[in-house]
Amino acid sequence: MLQTNLTHVLSEKDHAALLKANENVMICCGRMGPMCIPVYEAMEELEGEYKHVKFADMEFDSPDARIIRNLPECRSFQGLPFVVYYKGGKVVKATTSIQQPKQITTILDEHFGKK
């Protein structure tokens, strides 16, 4: 399990339940590495501001992470983390590599509305 304060997605079943229970979801699929940690930290900070978005993480090396790794939107990605934004259970945006808080809030505002 990743060492974050985010909701942990541990299986494909958890993933499906999370998307079913929440209209707006951001999942960061990665490791505890230098490109991923800043994204987790930004998500933890934004969680209090964006109450209408569910923030979660998933371990990239987990077999069940194929649910994210194999998304068409992520196929060309080469760096971690893979960050996927879902609205109504559908992928609306996917990014790769380190993201600054401003980049994340721009995506959140565009796809889920402002806080």
N, C-alpha and C. Protein backbone atom coordinates (compact mmCIF):
# COMPACT_ATOMS: atom_id res chain seq x y z
N MET A 1 0.84 -1.18 0.00
CA MET A 1 0.00 0.00 0.00
C MET A 1 0.89 1.25 0.00
N LEU A 2 0.49 2.24 -0.78
CA LEU A 2 1.24 3.48 -0.84
C LEU A 2 1.11 4.25 0.48
N GLN A 3 2.16 4.95 0.84
CA GLN A 3 2.17 5.68 2.11
C GLN A 3 1.68 7.11 1.90
N THR A 4 0.37 7.22 1.67
CA THR A 4 -0.26 8.53 1.50
C THR A 4 -1.49 8.57 2.41
N ASN A 5 -2.09 9.74 2.50
CA ASN A 5 -3.34 9.89 3.25
C ASN A 5 -4.54 9.85 2.32
N LEU A 6 -4.33 9.43 1.10
CA LEU A 6 -5.41 9.33 0.12
C LEU A 6 -6.16 8.02 0.27
N THR A 7 -7.33 7.93 -0.33
CA THR A 7 -8.05 6.66 -0.41
C THR A 7 -7.21 5.72 -1.27
N HIS A 8 -7.01 4.50 -0.80
CA HIS A 8 -6.20 3.52 -1.53
C HIS A 8 -7.11 2.61 -2.36
N VAL A 9 -6.82 2.51 -3.64
CA VAL A 9 -7.51 1.58 -4.52
C VAL A 9 -6.62 0.36 -4.61
N LEU A 10 -7.08 -0.76 -4.04
CA LEU A 10 -6.25 -1.95 -3.93
C LEU A 10 -6.57 -3.03 -4.95
N SER A 11 -7.72 -2.89 -5.62
CA SER A 11 -8.14 -3.94 -6.55
C SER A 11 -9.04 -3.36 -7.64
N GLU A 12 -9.27 -4.16 -8.66
CA GLU A 12 -10.21 -3.74 -9.71
C GLU A 12 -11.60 -3.54 -9.11
N LYS A 13 -11.94 -4.36 -8.14
CA LYS A 13 -13.24 -4.23 -7.46
C LYS A 13 -13.34 -2.88 -6.74
N ASP A 14 -12.26 -2.49 -6.03
CA ASP A 14 -12.23 -1.17 -5.37
C ASP A 14 -12.38 -0.06 -6.40
N HIS A 15 -11.69 -0.21 -7.52
CA HIS A 15 -11.73 0.78 -8.59
C HIS A 15 -13.17 0.96 -9.08
N ALA A 16 -13.83 -0.14 -9.37
CA ALA A 16 -15.21 -0.09 -9.86
C ALA A 16 -16.14 0.55 -8.83
N ALA A 17 -15.97 0.17 -7.57
CA ALA A 17 -16.82 0.72 -6.50
C ALA A 17 -16.59 2.22 -6.33
N LEU A 18 -15.35 2.65 -6.43
CA LEU A 18 -15.02 4.07 -6.29
C LEU A 18 -15.68 4.88 -7.40
N LEU A 19 -15.60 4.40 -8.63
CA LEU A 19 -16.21 5.11 -9.76
C LEU A 19 -17.72 5.11 -9.67
N LYS A 20 -18.28 4.04 -9.16
CA LYS A 20 -19.74 3.96 -9.03
C LYS A 20 -20.26 4.91 -7.95
N ALA A 21 -19.50 5.06 -6.87
CA ALA A 21 -19.94 5.86 -5.72
C ALA A 21 -19.65 7.35 -5.86
N ASN A 22 -18.81 7.74 -6.83
CA ASN A 22 -18.38 9.13 -6.95
C ASN A 22 -18.46 9.62 -8.39
N GLU A 23 -19.05 10.77 -8.59
CA GLU A 23 -19.19 11.36 -9.92
C GLU A 23 -17.83 11.80 -10.48
N ASN A 24 -17.01 12.44 -9.64
CA ASN A 24 -15.72 12.99 -10.06
C ASN A 24 -14.59 12.31 -9.29
N VAL A 25 -13.68 11.70 -10.02
CA VAL A 25 -12.61 10.92 -9.38
C VAL A 25 -11.27 11.23 -10.05
N MET A 26 -10.25 11.38 -9.21
CA MET A 26 -8.86 11.51 -9.68
C MET A 26 -8.07 10.40 -9.02
N ILE A 27 -7.45 9.54 -9.84
CA ILE A 27 -6.62 8.45 -9.31
C ILE A 27 -5.20 8.62 -9.82
N CYS A 28 -4.27 8.61 -8.89
CA CYS A 28 -2.85 8.67 -9.21
C CYS A 28 -2.28 7.27 -9.04
N CYS A 29 -1.84 6.68 -10.14
CA CYS A 29 -1.29 5.32 -10.14
C CYS A 29 0.22 5.43 -10.26
N GLY A 30 0.92 5.09 -9.17
CA GLY A 30 2.36 5.26 -9.19
C GLY A 30 3.05 4.48 -8.09
N ARG A 31 4.23 4.97 -7.75
CA ARG A 31 5.06 4.39 -6.70
C ARG A 31 5.41 5.51 -5.73
N MET A 32 6.19 5.21 -4.71
CA MET A 32 6.66 6.24 -3.78
C MET A 32 8.00 6.77 -4.28
N GLY A 33 7.98 7.32 -5.49
CA GLY A 33 9.19 7.83 -6.12
C GLY A 33 9.15 9.33 -6.30
N PRO A 34 10.25 9.91 -6.80
CA PRO A 34 10.38 11.36 -6.88
C PRO A 34 9.43 12.04 -7.86
N MET A 35 8.90 11.33 -8.82
CA MET A 35 7.95 11.93 -9.75
C MET A 35 6.52 11.80 -9.23
N CYS A 36 6.28 10.84 -8.37
CA CYS A 36 4.94 10.55 -7.87
C CYS A 36 4.61 11.30 -6.58
N ILE A 37 5.55 11.36 -5.67
CA ILE A 37 5.29 11.95 -4.35
C ILE A 37 4.75 13.38 -4.44
N PRO A 38 5.29 14.25 -5.30
CA PRO A 38 4.71 15.60 -5.38
C PRO A 38 3.25 15.60 -5.84
N VAL A 39 2.88 14.65 -6.66
CA VAL A 39 1.49 14.56 -7.11
C VAL A 39 0.60 14.13 -5.95
N TYR A 40 1.02 13.11 -5.19
CA TYR A 40 0.25 12.70 -4.02
C TYR A 40 0.09 13.86 -3.04
N GLU A 41 1.19 14.60 -2.81
CA GLU A 41 1.14 15.73 -1.87
C GLU A 41 0.17 16.80 -2.35
N ALA A 42 0.19 17.10 -3.64
CA ALA A 42 -0.75 18.08 -4.20
C ALA A 42 -2.18 17.60 -4.04
N MET A 43 -2.41 16.32 -4.29
CA MET A 43 -3.76 15.76 -4.14
C MET A 43 -4.23 15.86 -2.70
N GLU A 44 -3.35 15.55 -1.75
CA GLU A 44 -3.72 15.64 -0.34
C GLU A 44 -4.10 17.08 0.04
N GLU A 45 -3.38 18.05 -0.50
CA GLU A 45 -3.69 19.45 -0.22
C GLU A 45 -5.00 19.88 -0.86
N LEU A 46 -5.25 19.42 -2.08
CA LEU A 46 -6.44 19.83 -2.82
C LEU A 46 -7.70 19.13 -2.34
N GLU A 47 -7.55 18.01 -1.67
CA GLU A 47 -8.70 17.22 -1.22
C GLU A 47 -9.65 18.06 -0.37
N GLY A 48 -9.12 18.92 0.47
CA GLY A 48 -9.97 19.75 1.32
C GLY A 48 -10.68 20.86 0.56
N GLU A 49 -10.10 21.28 -0.55
CA GLU A 49 -10.67 22.36 -1.35
C GLU A 49 -11.70 21.86 -2.36
N TYR A 50 -11.49 20.69 -2.89
CA TYR A 50 -12.36 20.13 -3.92
C TYR A 50 -13.19 18.99 -3.32
N LYS A 51 -14.18 19.37 -2.53
CA LYS A 51 -15.01 18.38 -1.83
C LYS A 51 -15.83 17.52 -2.81
N HIS A 52 -16.04 18.02 -4.02
CA HIS A 52 -16.85 17.31 -5.01
C HIS A 52 -16.01 16.35 -5.87
N VAL A 53 -14.75 16.17 -5.50
CA VAL A 53 -13.86 15.26 -6.21
C VAL A 53 -13.31 14.24 -5.22
N LYS A 54 -13.32 12.97 -5.60
CA LYS A 54 -12.72 11.92 -4.78
C LYS A 54 -11.29 11.69 -5.27
N PHE A 55 -10.33 11.84 -4.37
CA PHE A 55 -8.91 11.67 -4.68
C PHE A 55 -8.45 10.31 -4.16
N ALA A 56 -7.73 9.57 -5.00
CA ALA A 56 -7.29 8.23 -4.60
C ALA A 56 -5.95 7.89 -5.25
N ASP A 57 -5.31 6.88 -4.70
CA ASP A 57 -4.06 6.39 -5.28
C ASP A 57 -4.17 4.89 -5.55
N MET A 58 -3.28 4.40 -6.39
CA MET A 58 -3.20 2.96 -6.69
C MET A 58 -1.75 2.63 -6.98
N GLU A 59 -1.29 1.51 -6.44
CA GLU A 59 0.09 1.08 -6.67
C GLU A 59 0.27 0.62 -8.11
N PHE A 60 1.21 1.23 -8.80
CA PHE A 60 1.46 0.93 -10.21
C PHE A 60 1.82 -0.53 -10.43
N ASP A 61 2.56 -1.13 -9.50
CA ASP A 61 3.05 -2.49 -9.68
C ASP A 61 2.07 -3.57 -9.25
N SER A 62 0.92 -3.17 -8.75
CA SER A 62 -0.10 -4.15 -8.39
C SER A 62 -0.69 -4.75 -9.67
N PRO A 63 -0.92 -6.07 -9.68
CA PRO A 63 -1.52 -6.67 -10.87
C PRO A 63 -2.84 -6.00 -11.26
N ASP A 64 -3.63 -5.58 -10.27
CA ASP A 64 -4.92 -4.96 -10.56
C ASP A 64 -4.78 -3.56 -11.15
N ALA A 65 -3.60 -2.97 -11.09
CA ALA A 65 -3.40 -1.65 -11.68
C ALA A 65 -3.46 -1.69 -13.20
N ARG A 66 -3.56 -2.87 -13.77
CA ARG A 66 -3.74 -2.98 -15.22
C ARG A 66 -5.01 -2.25 -15.65
N ILE A 67 -5.95 -2.08 -14.74
CA ILE A 67 -7.18 -1.35 -15.04
C ILE A 67 -6.86 0.09 -15.46
N ILE A 68 -5.76 0.62 -14.97
CA ILE A 68 -5.29 1.96 -15.38
C ILE A 68 -4.18 1.86 -16.42
N ARG A 69 -3.21 0.99 -16.18
CA ARG A 69 -2.07 0.86 -17.11
C ARG A 69 -2.52 0.56 -18.54
N ASN A 70 -3.61 -0.20 -18.70
CA ASN A 70 -4.05 -0.64 -20.02
C ASN A 70 -5.11 0.26 -20.65
N LEU A 71 -5.44 1.36 -20.01
CA LEU A 71 -6.40 2.29 -20.62
C LEU A 71 -5.84 2.82 -21.94
N PRO A 72 -6.68 2.97 -22.96
CA PRO A 72 -6.21 3.55 -24.22
C PRO A 72 -5.55 4.92 -24.01
N GLU A 73 -6.07 5.69 -23.08
CA GLU A 73 -5.53 7.02 -22.80
C GLU A 73 -4.13 6.98 -22.19
N CYS A 74 -3.71 5.82 -21.67
CA CYS A 74 -2.41 5.69 -21.01
C CYS A 74 -1.40 4.87 -21.80
N ARG A 75 -1.79 4.32 -22.90
CA ARG A 75 -0.92 3.39 -23.63
C ARG A 75 0.42 3.98 -24.04
N SER A 76 0.46 5.26 -24.36
CA SER A 76 1.71 5.85 -24.82
C SER A 76 2.55 6.43 -23.68
N PHE A 77 2.05 6.35 -22.46
CA PHE A 77 2.76 6.93 -21.32
C PHE A 77 4.05 6.16 -21.04
N GLN A 78 5.11 6.92 -20.71
CA GLN A 78 6.39 6.29 -20.42
C GLN A 78 6.90 6.61 -19.02
N GLY A 79 6.35 7.63 -18.38
CA GLY A 79 6.81 8.01 -17.05
C GLY A 79 5.72 7.89 -16.01
N LEU A 80 6.14 7.75 -14.77
CA LEU A 80 5.18 7.68 -13.67
C LEU A 80 5.04 9.06 -13.04
N PRO A 81 3.92 9.30 -12.41
CA PRO A 81 2.74 8.45 -12.29
C PRO A 81 1.80 8.60 -13.48
N PHE A 82 0.86 7.67 -13.57
CA PHE A 82 -0.26 7.79 -14.50
C PHE A 82 -1.39 8.37 -13.66
N VAL A 83 -1.94 9.50 -14.08
CA VAL A 83 -3.04 10.13 -13.35
C VAL A 83 -4.25 10.15 -14.27
N VAL A 84 -5.35 9.59 -13.76
CA VAL A 84 -6.56 9.48 -14.57
C VAL A 84 -7.70 10.19 -13.85
N TYR A 85 -8.42 11.00 -14.62
CA TYR A 85 -9.56 11.77 -14.13
C TYR A 85 -10.82 11.16 -14.74
N TYR A 86 -11.77 10.81 -13.89
CA TYR A 86 -13.02 10.20 -14.33
C TYR A 86 -14.21 11.08 -13.98
N LYS A 87 -15.16 11.17 -14.89
CA LYS A 87 -16.42 11.85 -14.62
C LYS A 87 -17.53 10.87 -15.02
N GLY A 88 -18.39 10.56 -14.07
CA GLY A 88 -19.45 9.61 -14.35
C GLY A 88 -18.94 8.26 -14.80
N GLY A 89 -17.77 7.86 -14.28
CA GLY A 89 -17.20 6.56 -14.61
C GLY A 89 -16.41 6.52 -15.91
N LYS A 90 -16.38 7.62 -16.64
CA LYS A 90 -15.67 7.68 -17.93
C LYS A 90 -14.40 8.53 -17.80
N VAL A 91 -13.35 8.12 -18.49
CA VAL A 91 -12.10 8.88 -18.49
C VAL A 91 -12.32 10.19 -19.25
N VAL A 92 -12.01 11.31 -18.59
CA VAL A 92 -12.10 12.61 -19.26
C VAL A 92 -10.73 13.22 -19.50
N LYS A 93 -9.71 12.71 -18.80
CA LYS A 93 -8.35 13.23 -18.95
C LYS A 93 -7.39 12.23 -18.32
N ALA A 94 -6.21 12.12 -18.91
CA ALA A 94 -5.15 11.29 -18.32
C ALA A 94 -3.83 12.02 -18.56
N THR A 95 -2.99 12.01 -17.53
CA THR A 95 -1.68 12.67 -17.63
C THR A 95 -0.61 11.71 -17.12
N THR A 96 0.62 12.04 -17.46
CA THR A 96 1.75 11.25 -16.98
C THR A 96 2.84 12.18 -16.50
N SER A 97 3.66 11.68 -15.63
CA SER A 97 4.81 12.38 -15.08
C SER A 97 4.37 13.35 -13.98
N ILE A 98 5.34 14.05 -13.46
CA ILE A 98 5.12 14.97 -12.35
C ILE A 98 4.14 16.07 -12.77
N GLN A 99 3.29 16.46 -11.87
CA GLN A 99 2.32 17.53 -12.10
C GLN A 99 2.42 18.51 -10.94
N GLN A 100 2.42 19.79 -11.27
CA GLN A 100 2.40 20.83 -10.26
C GLN A 100 0.94 21.08 -9.84
N PRO A 101 0.72 21.57 -8.62
CA PRO A 101 -0.66 21.82 -8.18
C PRO A 101 -1.48 22.66 -9.18
N LYS A 102 -0.87 23.66 -9.79
CA LYS A 102 -1.61 24.51 -10.75
C LYS A 102 -2.06 23.71 -11.96
N GLN A 103 -1.23 22.79 -12.42
CA GLN A 103 -1.62 21.94 -13.55
C GLN A 103 -2.82 21.06 -13.17
N ILE A 104 -2.79 20.54 -11.96
CA ILE A 104 -3.88 19.69 -11.49
C ILE A 104 -5.16 20.50 -11.33
N THR A 105 -5.08 21.68 -10.71
CA THR A 105 -6.30 22.47 -10.51
C THR A 105 -6.90 22.93 -11.84
N THR A 106 -6.07 23.18 -12.82
CA THR A 106 -6.58 23.54 -14.14
C THR A 106 -7.43 22.41 -14.71
N ILE A 107 -6.95 21.19 -14.58
CA ILE A 107 -7.69 20.02 -15.08
C ILE A 107 -8.96 19.82 -14.25
N LEU A 108 -8.84 19.90 -12.93
CA LEU A 108 -10.02 19.73 -12.07
C LEU A 108 -11.09 20.76 -12.42
N ASP A 109 -10.70 22.02 -12.55
CA ASP A 109 -11.66 23.08 -12.85
C ASP A 109 -12.32 22.87 -14.23
N GLU A 110 -11.51 22.46 -15.19
CA GLU A 110 -12.03 22.26 -16.54
C GLU A 110 -13.03 21.11 -16.63
N HIS A 111 -12.73 20.02 -15.96
CA HIS A 111 -13.56 18.82 -16.12
C HIS A 111 -14.59 18.62 -15.01
N PHE A 112 -14.34 19.16 -13.83
CA PHE A 112 -15.25 18.93 -12.70
C PHE A 112 -15.87 20.21 -12.16
N GLY A 113 -15.48 21.35 -12.66
CA GLY A 113 -15.98 22.62 -12.17
C GLY A 113 -15.13 23.12 -11.00
N LYS A 114 -15.18 24.40 -10.79
CA LYS A 114 -14.37 25.01 -9.73
C LYS A 114 -14.89 24.60 -8.37
N LYS A 115 -14.00 24.71 -7.38
CA LYS A 115 -14.30 24.30 -6.01
C LYS A 115 -15.46 25.02 -5.40
